Amino acid sequence: AAWASLLVAQTSGKSLEVYRLRSGADILKKLKRRLKRQREKVPGSEEDQLPGLGLGQTSWQLGDALEAWHVLRCGSKIRGVALSPRVQLGKQRLLVALASNSLELFELGSGAGEAADRSGRCTQVAAVDSGGHRSDVRAVCISEDGRTLCTCSSESVKIWSMSSKLCVGTCRVIGSG
């Protein structure tokens, strides 16, 4: 399994923005394109005269390394997100906890070679709507192998089996109702 190259940013409401981390070669290509465009705007300038770039110096911006890759919209307000750190079979798993106290599991394509096809990048593979927490889920975490997940609320921590979609353990928080 490869390590992930995706970054997820939770926005307000029902959306998540997914970004793909470009490879070193792609970052270099983007940087060269930007320098070429800047040289065309400022006639007679050389690479080493451009602002922020000295001879032999590598200077890149965050936009050179990250590509806006997908926007995921859920049916309810998002309370928590967990992104699996590993890619398995070209897919990475994303777990979303919703204000409706349900959980949704998505598979995201790895991003490699999919620049033209954005439609198949994100697929919902599971949802857990059964009785879970009595209050809002505030944090979620998925195991590296994708078989179990953990959810946390103000009253308890629960461990779930992804294959059976059942809670396999609960730990109540001391001092909660």
C-alpha atoms as a PDB file:
ATOM      1  CA  ALA A   1       0.000   0.000   0.000  1.00  0.00           C
ATOM      2  CA  ALA A   2       1.220   3.491  -0.861  1.00  0.00           C
ATOM      3  CA  TRP A   3       1.057   6.534   1.348  1.00  0.00           C
ATOM      4  CA  ALA A   4      -1.713   8.987   0.648  1.00  0.00           C
ATOM      5  CA  SER A   5      -1.310  12.121  -1.406  1.00  0.00           C
ATOM      6  CA  LEU A   6      -4.656  13.725  -0.549  1.00  0.00           C
ATOM      7  CA  LEU A   7      -5.510  16.487   1.911  1.00  0.00           C
ATOM      8  CA  VAL A   8      -9.053  17.194   3.130  1.00  0.00           C
ATOM      9  CA  ALA A   9     -10.253  20.599   4.348  1.00  0.00           C
ATOM     10  CA  GLN A  10     -13.550  20.822   6.210  1.00  0.00           C
ATOM     11  CA  THR A  11     -15.554  23.859   5.169  1.00  0.00           C
ATOM     12  CA  SER A  12     -18.581  25.250   6.933  1.00  0.00           C
ATOM     13  CA  GLY A  13     -21.753  23.273   6.493  1.00  0.00           C
ATOM     14  CA  LYS A  14     -22.093  20.200   4.316  1.00  0.00           C
ATOM     15  CA  SER A  15     -18.957  20.336   2.142  1.00  0.00           C
ATOM     16  CA  LEU A  16     -15.403  19.053   2.185  1.00  0.00           C
ATOM     17  CA  GLU A  17     -12.681  20.170  -0.196  1.00  0.00           C
ATOM     18  CA  VAL A  18     -10.192  17.515  -1.281  1.00  0.00           C
ATOM     19  CA  TYR A  19      -6.747  18.517  -2.547  1.00  0.00           C
ATOM     20  CA  ARG A  20      -4.151  16.349  -4.280  1.00  0.00           C
ATOM     21  CA  LEU A  21      -0.462  16.748  -3.455  1.00  0.00           C
ATOM     22  CA  ARG A  22       1.486  17.014  -6.702  1.00  0.00           C
ATOM     23  CA  SER A  23       4.645  15.005  -7.272  1.00  0.00           C
ATOM     24  CA  GLY A  24       8.042  16.718  -7.208  1.00  0.00           C
ATOM     25  CA  ALA A  25       8.182  16.590 -11.012  1.00  0.00           C
ATOM     26  CA  ASP A  26       4.706  18.164 -11.305  1.00  0.00           C
ATOM     27  CA  ILE A  27       5.661  20.925  -8.841  1.00  0.00           C
ATOM     28  CA  LEU A  28       8.763  21.680 -10.913  1.00  0.00           C
ATOM     29  CA  LYS A  29       6.688  21.816 -14.136  1.00  0.00           C
ATOM     30  CA  LYS A  30       4.192  24.202 -12.539  1.00  0.00           C
ATOM     31  CA  LEU A  31       7.005  26.384 -11.209  1.00  0.00           C
ATOM     32  CA  LYS A  32       8.670  26.541 -14.657  1.00  0.00           C
ATOM     33  CA  ARG A  33       5.341  27.501 -16.271  1.00  0.00           C
ATOM     34  CA  ARG A  34       4.842  30.266 -13.714  1.00  0.00           C
ATOM     35  CA  LEU A  35       8.376  31.586 -14.272  1.00  0.00           C
ATOM     36  CA  LYS A  36       7.887  31.503 -18.050  1.00  0.00           C
ATOM     37  CA  ARG A  37       4.629  33.488 -17.754  1.00  0.00           C
ATOM     38  CA  GLN A  38       6.310  36.004 -15.461  1.00  0.00           C
ATOM     39  CA  ARG A  39       9.243  36.433 -17.884  1.00  0.00           C
ATOM     40  CA  GLU A  40       6.750  37.080 -20.687  1.00  0.00           C
ATOM     41  CA  LYS A  41       5.066  39.798 -18.596  1.00  0.00           C
ATOM     42  CA  VAL A  42       8.409  41.481 -17.758  1.00  0.00           C
ATOM     43  CA  PRO A  43      10.399  41.667 -21.014  1.00  0.00           C
ATOM     44  CA  GLY A  44      14.177  41.439 -20.669  1.00  0.00           C
ATOM     45  CA  SER A  45      14.124  39.834 -17.217  1.00  0.00           C
ATOM     46  CA  GLU A  46      16.090  36.682 -16.496  1.00  0.00           C
ATOM     47  CA  GLU A  47      15.169  33.831 -14.159  1.00  0.00           C
ATOM     48  CA  ASP A  48      17.548  34.957 -11.433  1.00  0.00           C
ATOM     49  CA  GLN A  49      16.068  38.474 -11.480  1.00  0.00           C
ATOM     50  CA  LEU A  50      12.514  37.412 -10.677  1.00  0.00           C
ATOM     51  CA  PRO A  51      11.208  38.309  -7.223  1.00  0.00           C
ATOM     52  CA  GLY A  52      11.810  35.561  -4.667  1.00  0.00           C
ATOM     53  CA  LEU A  53      14.061  33.468  -6.916  1.00  0.00           C
ATOM     54  CA  GLY A  54      17.799  33.605  -6.829  1.00  0.00           C
ATOM     55  CA  LEU A  55      20.190  31.549  -8.904  1.00  0.00           C
ATOM     56  CA  GLY A  56      20.023  27.932  -7.719  1.00  0.00           C
ATOM     57  CA  GLN A  57      17.264  28.779  -5.248  1.00  0.00           C
ATOM     58  CA  THR A  58      14.012  26.830  -5.286  1.00  0.00           C
ATOM     59  CA  SER A  59      10.989  28.884  -4.357  1.00  0.00           C
ATOM     60  CA  TRP A  60       7.482  27.585  -4.715  1.00  0.00           C
ATOM     61  CA  GLN A  61       4.063  28.533  -3.428  1.00  0.00           C
ATOM     62  CA  LEU A  62       1.484  26.299  -1.774  1.00  0.00           C
ATOM     63  CA  GLY A  63      -0.602  26.418  -4.960  1.00  0.00           C
ATOM     64  CA  ASP A  64       2.308  24.816  -6.823  1.00  0.00           C
ATOM     65  CA  ALA A  65       2.156  21.756  -4.548  1.00  0.00           C
ATOM     66  CA  LEU A  66      -1.618  21.371  -4.060  1.00  0.00           C
ATOM     67  CA  GLU A  67      -4.288  20.903  -6.708  1.00  0.00           C
ATOM     68  CA  ALA A  68      -7.995  21.396  -5.967  1.00  0.00           C
ATOM     69  CA  TRP A  69      -9.204  17.893  -6.737  1.00  0.00           C
ATOM     70  CA  HIS A  70     -12.781  17.290  -5.548  1.00  0.00           C
ATOM     71  CA  VAL A  71     -15.597  18.874  -3.528  1.00  0.00           C
ATOM     72  CA  LEU A  72     -17.619  16.382  -1.498  1.00  0.00           C
ATOM     73  CA  ARG A  73     -21.121  17.384  -0.440  1.00  0.00           C
ATOM     74  CA  CYS A  74     -22.955  15.456   2.282  1.00  0.00           C
ATOM     75  CA  GLY A  75     -26.651  15.365   3.189  1.00  0.00           C
ATOM     76  CA  SER A  76     -26.185  16.821   6.655  1.00  0.00           C
ATOM     77  CA  LYS A  77     -23.801  19.197   8.420  1.00  0.00           C
ATOM     78  CA  ILE A  78     -20.321  17.717   8.862  1.00  0.00           C
ATOM     79  CA  ARG A  79     -19.044  17.359  12.433  1.00  0.00           C
ATOM     80  CA  GLY A  80     -15.821  15.396  11.931  1.00  0.00           C
ATOM     81  CA  VAL A  81     -13.571  13.920   9.268  1.00  0.00           C
ATOM     82  CA  ALA A  82     -10.885  11.232   9.180  1.00  0.00           C
ATOM     83  CA  LEU A  83      -8.715  10.383   6.196  1.00  0.00           C
ATOM     84  CA  SER A  84      -7.013   6.985   6.117  1.00  0.00           C
ATOM     85  CA  PRO A  85      -3.247   7.518   5.919  1.00  0.00           C
ATOM     86  CA  ARG A  86      -2.699   4.697   3.420  1.00  0.00           C
ATOM     87  CA  VAL A  87      -3.886   3.984  -0.092  1.00  0.00           C
ATOM     88  CA  GLN A  88      -5.097   0.450  -0.805  1.00  0.00           C
ATOM     89  CA  LEU A  89      -5.823  -0.759  -4.340  1.00  0.00           C
ATOM     90  CA  GLY A  90      -5.533   2.814  -5.625  1.00  0.00           C
ATOM     91  CA  LYS A  91      -8.230   4.069  -3.237  1.00  0.00           C
ATOM     92  CA  GLN A  92      -8.070   6.057  -0.025  1.00  0.00           C
ATOM     93  CA  ARG A  93     -10.844   5.991   2.570  1.00  0.00           C
ATOM     94  CA  LEU A  94     -12.507   9.056   4.047  1.00  0.00           C
ATOM     95  CA  LEU A  95     -14.839   8.823   7.048  1.00  0.00           C
ATOM     96  CA  VAL A  96     -17.318  11.635   7.675  1.00  0.00           C
ATOM     97  CA  ALA A  97     -19.336  12.128  10.893  1.00  0.00           C
ATOM     98  CA  LEU A  98     -22.546  14.078  10.349  1.00  0.00           C
ATOM     99  CA  ALA A  99     -24.689  16.171  12.686  1.00  0.00           C
ATOM    100  CA  SER A 100     -27.454  13.584  12.210  1.00  0.00           C
ATOM    101  CA  ASN A 101     -25.176  11.199  14.190  1.00  0.00           C
ATOM    102  CA  SER A 102     -24.660   9.026  11.129  1.00  0.00           C
ATOM    103  CA  LEU A 103     -21.328   8.090   9.590  1.00  0.00           C
ATOM    104  CA  GLU A 104     -20.506   7.880   5.905  1.00  0.00           C
ATOM    105  CA  LEU A 105     -17.459   6.134   4.440  1.00  0.00           C
ATOM    106  CA  PHE A 106     -16.157   7.207   1.044  1.00  0.00           C
ATOM    107  CA  GLU A 107     -13.445   5.877  -1.223  1.00  0.00           C
ATOM    108  CA  LEU A 108     -11.378   8.431  -3.066  1.00  0.00           C
ATOM    109  CA  GLY A 109      -9.313   7.584  -6.141  1.00  0.00           C
ATOM    110  CA  SER A 110      -5.589   8.115  -5.677  1.00  0.00           C
ATOM    111  CA  GLY A 111      -5.550  11.093  -8.026  1.00  0.00           C
ATOM    112  CA  ALA A 112      -2.866   9.684 -10.288  1.00  0.00           C
ATOM    113  CA  GLY A 113      -3.771   9.928 -13.953  1.00  0.00           C
ATOM    114  CA  GLU A 114      -7.323  11.073 -13.304  1.00  0.00           C
ATOM    115  CA  ALA A 115      -7.037  14.727 -14.334  1.00  0.00           C
ATOM    116  CA  ALA A 116      -9.748  14.416 -16.984  1.00  0.00           C
ATOM    117  CA  ASP A 117     -12.222  12.288 -15.003  1.00  0.00           C
ATOM    118  CA  ARG A 118     -13.474  13.974 -11.843  1.00  0.00           C
ATOM    119  CA  SER A 119     -16.791  12.097 -11.665  1.00  0.00           C
ATOM    120  CA  GLY A 120     -15.401   8.761 -10.439  1.00  0.00           C
ATOM    121  CA  ARG A 121     -13.108  10.234  -7.848  1.00  0.00           C
ATOM    122  CA  CYS A 122     -15.379   9.798  -4.827  1.00  0.00           C
ATOM    123  CA  THR A 123     -17.771   6.938  -4.066  1.00  0.00           C
ATOM    124  CA  GLN A 124     -19.784   6.312  -0.907  1.00  0.00           C
ATOM    125  CA  VAL A 125     -19.121   2.715   0.148  1.00  0.00           C
ATOM    126  CA  ALA A 126     -20.848   2.511   3.534  1.00  0.00           C
ATOM    127  CA  ALA A 127     -23.098   4.393   5.928  1.00  0.00           C
ATOM    128  CA  VAL A 128     -23.850   3.766   9.595  1.00  0.00           C
ATOM    129  CA  ASP A 129     -27.223   5.113  10.690  1.00  0.00           C
ATOM    130  CA  SER A 130     -27.916   2.714  13.539  1.00  0.00           C
ATOM    131  CA  GLY A 131     -28.151   3.869  17.137  1.00  0.00           C
ATOM    132  CA  GLY A 132     -24.873   5.386  18.097  1.00  0.00           C
ATOM    133  CA  HIS A 133     -24.089   8.415  20.176  1.00  0.00           C
ATOM    134  CA  ARG A 134     -26.839  10.351  21.924  1.00  0.00           C
ATOM    135  CA  SER A 135     -25.050  13.647  21.267  1.00  0.00           C
ATOM    136  CA  ASP A 136     -23.118  15.059  18.320  1.00  0.00           C
ATOM    137  CA  VAL A 137     -20.138  13.084  17.069  1.00  0.00           C
ATOM    138  CA  ARG A 138     -17.195  15.472  17.342  1.00  0.00           C
ATOM    139  CA  ALA A 139     -14.279  13.366  16.115  1.00  0.00           C
ATOM    140  CA  VAL A 140     -13.722  10.273  14.018  1.00  0.00           C
ATOM    141  CA  CYS A 141     -10.702   8.108  13.308  1.00  0.00           C
ATOM    142  CA  ILE A 142     -10.329   5.180  10.932  1.00  0.00           C
ATOM    143  CA  SER A 143      -7.797   2.392  11.451  1.00  0.00           C
ATOM    144  CA  GLU A 144      -4.936   2.039   9.011  1.00  0.00           C
ATOM    145  CA  ASP A 145      -6.365  -1.198   7.624  1.00  0.00           C
ATOM    146  CA  GLY A 146      -9.864   0.306   7.293  1.00  0.00           C
ATOM    147  CA  ARG A 147     -11.540  -2.442   9.341  1.00  0.00           C
ATOM    148  CA  THR A 148     -12.451  -0.446  12.445  1.00  0.00           C
ATOM    149  CA  LEU A 149     -13.250   3.112  13.290  1.00  0.00           C
ATOM    150  CA  CYS A 150     -13.600   5.197  16.409  1.00  0.00           C
ATOM    151  CA  THR A 151     -16.134   7.949  17.076  1.00  0.00           C
ATOM    152  CA  CYS A 152     -16.106  10.420  19.955  1.00  0.00           C
ATOM    153  CA  SER A 153     -18.801  12.594  21.464  1.00  0.00           C
ATOM    154  CA  SER A 154     -19.107  14.494  24.729  1.00  0.00           C
ATOM    155  CA  GLU A 155     -20.568  11.417  26.446  1.00  0.00           C
ATOM    156  CA  SER A 156     -18.652   8.423  25.023  1.00  0.00           C
ATOM    157  CA  VAL A 157     -16.097   6.889  22.687  1.00  0.00           C
ATOM    158  CA  LYS A 158     -17.307   4.056  20.450  1.00  0.00           C
ATOM    159  CA  ILE A 159     -15.409   1.475  18.400  1.00  0.00           C
ATOM    160  CA  TRP A 160     -17.141   0.221  15.243  1.00  0.00           C
ATOM    161  CA  SER A 161     -16.598  -2.748  12.942  1.00  0.00           C
ATOM    162  CA  MET A 162     -16.743  -1.634   9.324  1.00  0.00           C
ATOM    163  CA  SER A 163     -17.666  -5.097   8.055  1.00  0.00           C
ATOM    164  CA  SER A 164     -20.703  -5.546  10.337  1.00  0.00           C
ATOM    165  CA  LYS A 165     -21.421  -1.787  10.759  1.00  0.00           C
ATOM    166  CA  LEU A 166     -22.037  -2.493  14.460  1.00  0.00           C
ATOM    167  CA  CYS A 167     -20.625  -0.917  17.600  1.00  0.00           C
ATOM    168  CA  VAL A 168     -18.197  -3.398  19.184  1.00  0.00           C
ATOM    169  CA  GLY A 169     -17.268  -1.330  22.229  1.00  0.00           C
ATOM    170  CA  THR A 170     -18.257   1.762  24.188  1.00  0.00           C
ATOM    171  CA  CYS A 171     -16.359   3.742  26.789  1.00  0.00           C
ATOM    172  CA  ARG A 172     -18.385   6.345  28.676  1.00  0.00           C
ATOM    173  CA  VAL A 173     -16.712   9.643  29.466  1.00  0.00           C
ATOM    174  CA  ILE A 174     -16.453  10.221  33.227  1.00  0.00           C
ATOM    175  CA  GLY A 175     -18.553  13.154  34.374  1.00  0.00           C
ATOM    176  CA  SER A 176     -20.979  13.062  31.446  1.00  0.00           C
ATOM    177  CA  GLY A 177     -24.734  12.717  31.981  1.00  0.00           C
END
